[in-house]
Amino acid sequence: MLTSLIYISSATHEMDDAELDQLLAEARAENLALNISGMLLYSGGTFMQVLEGEEDVVLRLYAQIINDPRHKNVTLIERQETEIRCFPDWSMGFRRISSGESGGKSGAVKKLTDFLAEASTRTTPGLALKLLQQFGKDAE
């Protein structure tokens, strides 16, 4: 049985493209070695990520992520057992949501903005995964 874990967090500072590229390279290499798949969104200093893999491996990686000094306020959104991966082809899919997209408040971007604003107080089961899948269609 596999585990799917979704969290959000806040970057300690607004990350530029070079910093995000470095973070992504590190995540992809480590996830590939650990047989972890997933998707990472970054928008205006906020991360949302799903990790998929064997439960003990996912939980160890999540413990490392919690202690990563590049972000703070790590909040677990969902954790569930699953039989299939939603992102099987990516060690780490990635999508930057630009301020222009966020400002447009249309479709998935509006849902993401609303979700991130409300995530600390409540979540709708399954919504985080649906958003990650929706943004994954255009991921790197």
C-alpha atoms as a PDB file:
ATOM      1  CA  MET A   1       0.000   0.000   0.000  1.00  0.00           C
ATOM      2  CA  LEU A   2       1.224   3.486  -0.878  1.00  0.00           C
ATOM      3  CA  THR A   3       0.773   6.730   1.033  1.00  0.00           C
ATOM      4  CA  SER A   4      -0.139  10.118  -0.404  1.00  0.00           C
ATOM      5  CA  LEU A   5       0.737  13.116   1.773  1.00  0.00           C
ATOM      6  CA  ILE A   6      -0.083  16.753   0.969  1.00  0.00           C
ATOM      7  CA  TYR A   7       1.226  19.776   2.866  1.00  0.00           C
ATOM      8  CA  ILE A   8       1.487  23.531   2.495  1.00  0.00           C
ATOM      9  CA  SER A   9       4.215  25.811   3.828  1.00  0.00           C
ATOM     10  CA  SER A  10       5.532  29.365   3.604  1.00  0.00           C
ATOM     11  CA  ALA A  11       8.932  30.198   2.144  1.00  0.00           C
ATOM     12  CA  THR A  12      11.138  32.147   4.549  1.00  0.00           C
ATOM     13  CA  HIS A  13      11.548  34.664   1.696  1.00  0.00           C
ATOM     14  CA  GLU A  14      10.202  35.115  -1.840  1.00  0.00           C
ATOM     15  CA  MET A  15      12.286  32.668  -3.869  1.00  0.00           C
ATOM     16  CA  ASP A  16      13.674  33.653  -7.262  1.00  0.00           C
ATOM     17  CA  ASP A  17      13.870  31.353 -10.280  1.00  0.00           C
ATOM     18  CA  ALA A  18      17.447  30.225  -9.520  1.00  0.00           C
ATOM     19  CA  GLU A  19      16.527  29.230  -5.956  1.00  0.00           C
ATOM     20  CA  LEU A  20      13.434  27.380  -7.152  1.00  0.00           C
ATOM     21  CA  ASP A  21      15.440  25.589  -9.837  1.00  0.00           C
ATOM     22  CA  GLN A  22      17.992  24.484  -7.212  1.00  0.00           C
ATOM     23  CA  LEU A  23      15.244  23.283  -4.864  1.00  0.00           C
ATOM     24  CA  LEU A  24      13.594  21.374  -7.709  1.00  0.00           C
ATOM     25  CA  ALA A  25      16.868  19.707  -8.781  1.00  0.00           C
ATOM     26  CA  GLU A  26      17.515  18.562  -5.198  1.00  0.00           C
ATOM     27  CA  ALA A  27      13.937  17.287  -4.748  1.00  0.00           C
ATOM     28  CA  ARG A  28      13.926  15.392  -8.036  1.00  0.00           C
ATOM     29  CA  ALA A  29      17.240  13.667  -7.305  1.00  0.00           C
ATOM     30  CA  GLU A  30      16.239  12.650  -3.778  1.00  0.00           C
ATOM     31  CA  ASN A  31      12.731  11.571  -4.770  1.00  0.00           C
ATOM     32  CA  LEU A  32      14.056   9.482  -7.649  1.00  0.00           C
ATOM     33  CA  ALA A  33      16.447   7.699  -5.275  1.00  0.00           C
ATOM     34  CA  LEU A  34      13.611   7.074  -2.782  1.00  0.00           C
ATOM     35  CA  ASN A  35      10.999   6.034  -5.384  1.00  0.00           C
ATOM     36  CA  ILE A  36       8.850   9.026  -4.410  1.00  0.00           C
ATOM     37  CA  SER A  37       6.575  10.714  -6.942  1.00  0.00           C
ATOM     38  CA  GLY A  38       4.722  13.973  -6.583  1.00  0.00           C
ATOM     39  CA  MET A  39       3.941  17.520  -7.543  1.00  0.00           C
ATOM     40  CA  LEU A  40       5.054  20.872  -6.134  1.00  0.00           C
ATOM     41  CA  LEU A  41       3.294  24.205  -6.595  1.00  0.00           C
ATOM     42  CA  TYR A  42       4.863  27.541  -5.684  1.00  0.00           C
ATOM     43  CA  SER A  43       2.931  30.794  -5.611  1.00  0.00           C
ATOM     44  CA  GLY A  44       3.869  34.050  -3.931  1.00  0.00           C
ATOM     45  CA  GLY A  45       5.976  32.476  -1.195  1.00  0.00           C
ATOM     46  CA  THR A  46       3.644  29.529  -0.577  1.00  0.00           C
ATOM     47  CA  PHE A  47       4.371  25.889  -1.360  1.00  0.00           C
ATOM     48  CA  MET A  48       1.867  23.078  -1.817  1.00  0.00           C
ATOM     49  CA  GLN A  49       3.282  19.617  -2.365  1.00  0.00           C
ATOM     50  CA  VAL A  50       2.077  16.032  -2.646  1.00  0.00           C
ATOM     51  CA  LEU A  51       4.437  13.132  -1.940  1.00  0.00           C
ATOM     52  CA  GLU A  52       3.558   9.580  -3.009  1.00  0.00           C
ATOM     53  CA  GLY A  53       5.364   6.393  -2.082  1.00  0.00           C
ATOM     54  CA  GLU A  54       5.888   3.751   0.569  1.00  0.00           C
ATOM     55  CA  GLU A  55       4.545   5.054   3.878  1.00  0.00           C
ATOM     56  CA  ASP A  56       7.742   4.850   5.933  1.00  0.00           C
ATOM     57  CA  VAL A  57       9.761   6.550   3.168  1.00  0.00           C
ATOM     58  CA  VAL A  58       7.185   9.332   2.701  1.00  0.00           C
ATOM     59  CA  LEU A  59       7.012   9.977   6.464  1.00  0.00           C
ATOM     60  CA  ARG A  60      10.818  10.138   6.794  1.00  0.00           C
ATOM     61  CA  LEU A  61      11.016  12.577   3.881  1.00  0.00           C
ATOM     62  CA  TYR A  62       8.213  14.689   5.343  1.00  0.00           C
ATOM     63  CA  ALA A  63      10.116  14.874   8.656  1.00  0.00           C
ATOM     64  CA  GLN A  64      13.134  16.222   6.727  1.00  0.00           C
ATOM     65  CA  ILE A  65      10.932  18.717   4.894  1.00  0.00           C
ATOM     66  CA  ILE A  66       9.500  20.032   8.164  1.00  0.00           C
ATOM     67  CA  ASN A  67      13.047  20.885   9.288  1.00  0.00           C
ATOM     68  CA  ASP A  68      14.164  22.456   5.991  1.00  0.00           C
ATOM     69  CA  PRO A  69      15.232  26.065   6.748  1.00  0.00           C
ATOM     70  CA  ARG A  70      13.912  27.370   3.395  1.00  0.00           C
ATOM     71  CA  HIS A  71      10.335  27.336   4.665  1.00  0.00           C
ATOM     72  CA  LYS A  72       8.188  27.564   7.795  1.00  0.00           C
ATOM     73  CA  ASN A  73       4.625  26.910   8.969  1.00  0.00           C
ATOM     74  CA  VAL A  74       4.514  23.441   7.416  1.00  0.00           C
ATOM     75  CA  THR A  75       0.887  22.266   7.654  1.00  0.00           C
ATOM     76  CA  LEU A  76      -0.283  18.750   6.834  1.00  0.00           C
ATOM     77  CA  ILE A  77      -3.407  18.965   4.660  1.00  0.00           C
ATOM     78  CA  GLU A  78      -4.097  15.326   3.784  1.00  0.00           C
ATOM     79  CA  ARG A  79      -2.551  11.913   4.346  1.00  0.00           C
ATOM     80  CA  GLN A  80      -4.156   8.790   2.961  1.00  0.00           C
ATOM     81  CA  GLU A  81      -3.424   5.274   1.812  1.00  0.00           C
ATOM     82  CA  THR A  82      -3.731   4.681  -1.905  1.00  0.00           C
ATOM     83  CA  GLU A  83      -3.216   1.852  -4.348  1.00  0.00           C
ATOM     84  CA  ILE A  84      -2.149   4.027  -7.282  1.00  0.00           C
ATOM     85  CA  ARG A  85       0.008   7.100  -7.768  1.00  0.00           C
ATOM     86  CA  CYS A  86      -1.597  10.238  -9.179  1.00  0.00           C
ATOM     87  CA  PHE A  87       1.805  11.478 -10.456  1.00  0.00           C
ATOM     88  CA  PRO A  88       3.587   8.241 -11.463  1.00  0.00           C
ATOM     89  CA  ASP A  89       5.731   9.801 -14.182  1.00  0.00           C
ATOM     90  CA  TRP A  90       7.354  12.508 -12.036  1.00  0.00           C
ATOM     91  CA  SER A  91       9.886  12.303  -9.254  1.00  0.00           C
ATOM     92  CA  MET A  92       8.663  15.867  -8.761  1.00  0.00           C
ATOM     93  CA  GLY A  93       6.399  17.748 -11.125  1.00  0.00           C
ATOM     94  CA  PHE A  94       6.622  21.500 -10.643  1.00  0.00           C
ATOM     95  CA  ARG A  95       4.543  24.553 -11.437  1.00  0.00           C
ATOM     96  CA  ARG A  96       5.237  28.191 -10.623  1.00  0.00           C
ATOM     97  CA  ILE A  97       2.040  30.201 -10.341  1.00  0.00           C
ATOM     98  CA  SER A  98       2.985  33.732 -11.335  1.00  0.00           C
ATOM     99  CA  SER A  99       1.547  36.833  -9.736  1.00  0.00           C
ATOM    100  CA  GLY A 100      -0.104  37.606 -13.064  1.00  0.00           C
ATOM    101  CA  GLU A 101      -1.937  34.274 -12.974  1.00  0.00           C
ATOM    102  CA  SER A 102      -2.856  34.702  -9.317  1.00  0.00           C
ATOM    103  CA  GLY A 103      -4.101  38.219  -9.954  1.00  0.00           C
ATOM    104  CA  GLY A 104      -6.378  36.948 -12.690  1.00  0.00           C
ATOM    105  CA  LYS A 105      -8.383  34.944 -10.163  1.00  0.00           C
ATOM    106  CA  SER A 106      -9.728  32.651 -12.847  1.00  0.00           C
ATOM    107  CA  GLY A 107     -10.475  28.940 -12.714  1.00  0.00           C
ATOM    108  CA  ALA A 108      -7.896  26.797 -10.961  1.00  0.00           C
ATOM    109  CA  VAL A 109      -5.806  29.785  -9.864  1.00  0.00           C
ATOM    110  CA  LYS A 110      -8.773  31.249  -7.982  1.00  0.00           C
ATOM    111  CA  LYS A 111      -9.426  27.857  -6.380  1.00  0.00           C
ATOM    112  CA  LEU A 112      -5.769  27.607  -5.346  1.00  0.00           C
ATOM    113  CA  THR A 113      -5.721  31.146  -3.956  1.00  0.00           C
ATOM    114  CA  ASP A 114      -8.914  30.505  -2.009  1.00  0.00           C
ATOM    115  CA  PHE A 115      -7.653  27.131  -0.791  1.00  0.00           C
ATOM    116  CA  LEU A 116      -4.359  28.542   0.463  1.00  0.00           C
ATOM    117  CA  ALA A 117      -6.159  31.390   2.224  1.00  0.00           C
ATOM    118  CA  GLU A 118      -8.457  28.957   4.039  1.00  0.00           C
ATOM    119  CA  ALA A 119      -6.114  25.996   4.541  1.00  0.00           C
ATOM    120  CA  SER A 120      -5.134  26.958   8.071  1.00  0.00           C
ATOM    121  CA  THR A 121      -8.751  26.925   9.244  1.00  0.00           C
ATOM    122  CA  ARG A 122     -10.419  24.170   7.189  1.00  0.00           C
ATOM    123  CA  THR A 123     -10.024  21.997   4.141  1.00  0.00           C
ATOM    124  CA  THR A 124     -12.373  20.115   1.879  1.00  0.00           C
ATOM    125  CA  PRO A 125     -11.268  16.462   1.613  1.00  0.00           C
ATOM    126  CA  GLY A 126      -9.757  15.755  -1.796  1.00  0.00           C
ATOM    127  CA  LEU A 127      -9.611  19.412  -2.894  1.00  0.00           C
ATOM    128  CA  ALA A 128      -5.843  19.743  -2.459  1.00  0.00           C
ATOM    129  CA  LEU A 129      -5.187  16.697  -4.637  1.00  0.00           C
ATOM    130  CA  LYS A 130      -7.615  17.916  -7.310  1.00  0.00           C
ATOM    131  CA  LEU A 131      -5.848  21.287  -7.421  1.00  0.00           C
ATOM    132  CA  LEU A 132      -2.426  19.651  -7.690  1.00  0.00           C
ATOM    133  CA  GLN A 133      -3.686  17.431 -10.511  1.00  0.00           C
ATOM    134  CA  GLN A 134      -5.223  20.406 -12.313  1.00  0.00           C
ATOM    135  CA  PHE A 135      -1.985  22.401 -12.149  1.00  0.00           C
ATOM    136  CA  GLY A 136       0.012  19.268 -12.987  1.00  0.00           C
ATOM    137  CA  LYS A 137      -1.353  19.345 -16.520  1.00  0.00           C
ATOM    138  CA  ASP A 138       0.946  22.291 -17.281  1.00  0.00           C
ATOM    139  CA  ALA A 139       3.854  21.362 -15.013  1.00  0.00           C
ATOM    140  CA  GLU A 140       7.545  21.218 -15.848  1.00  0.00           C
END
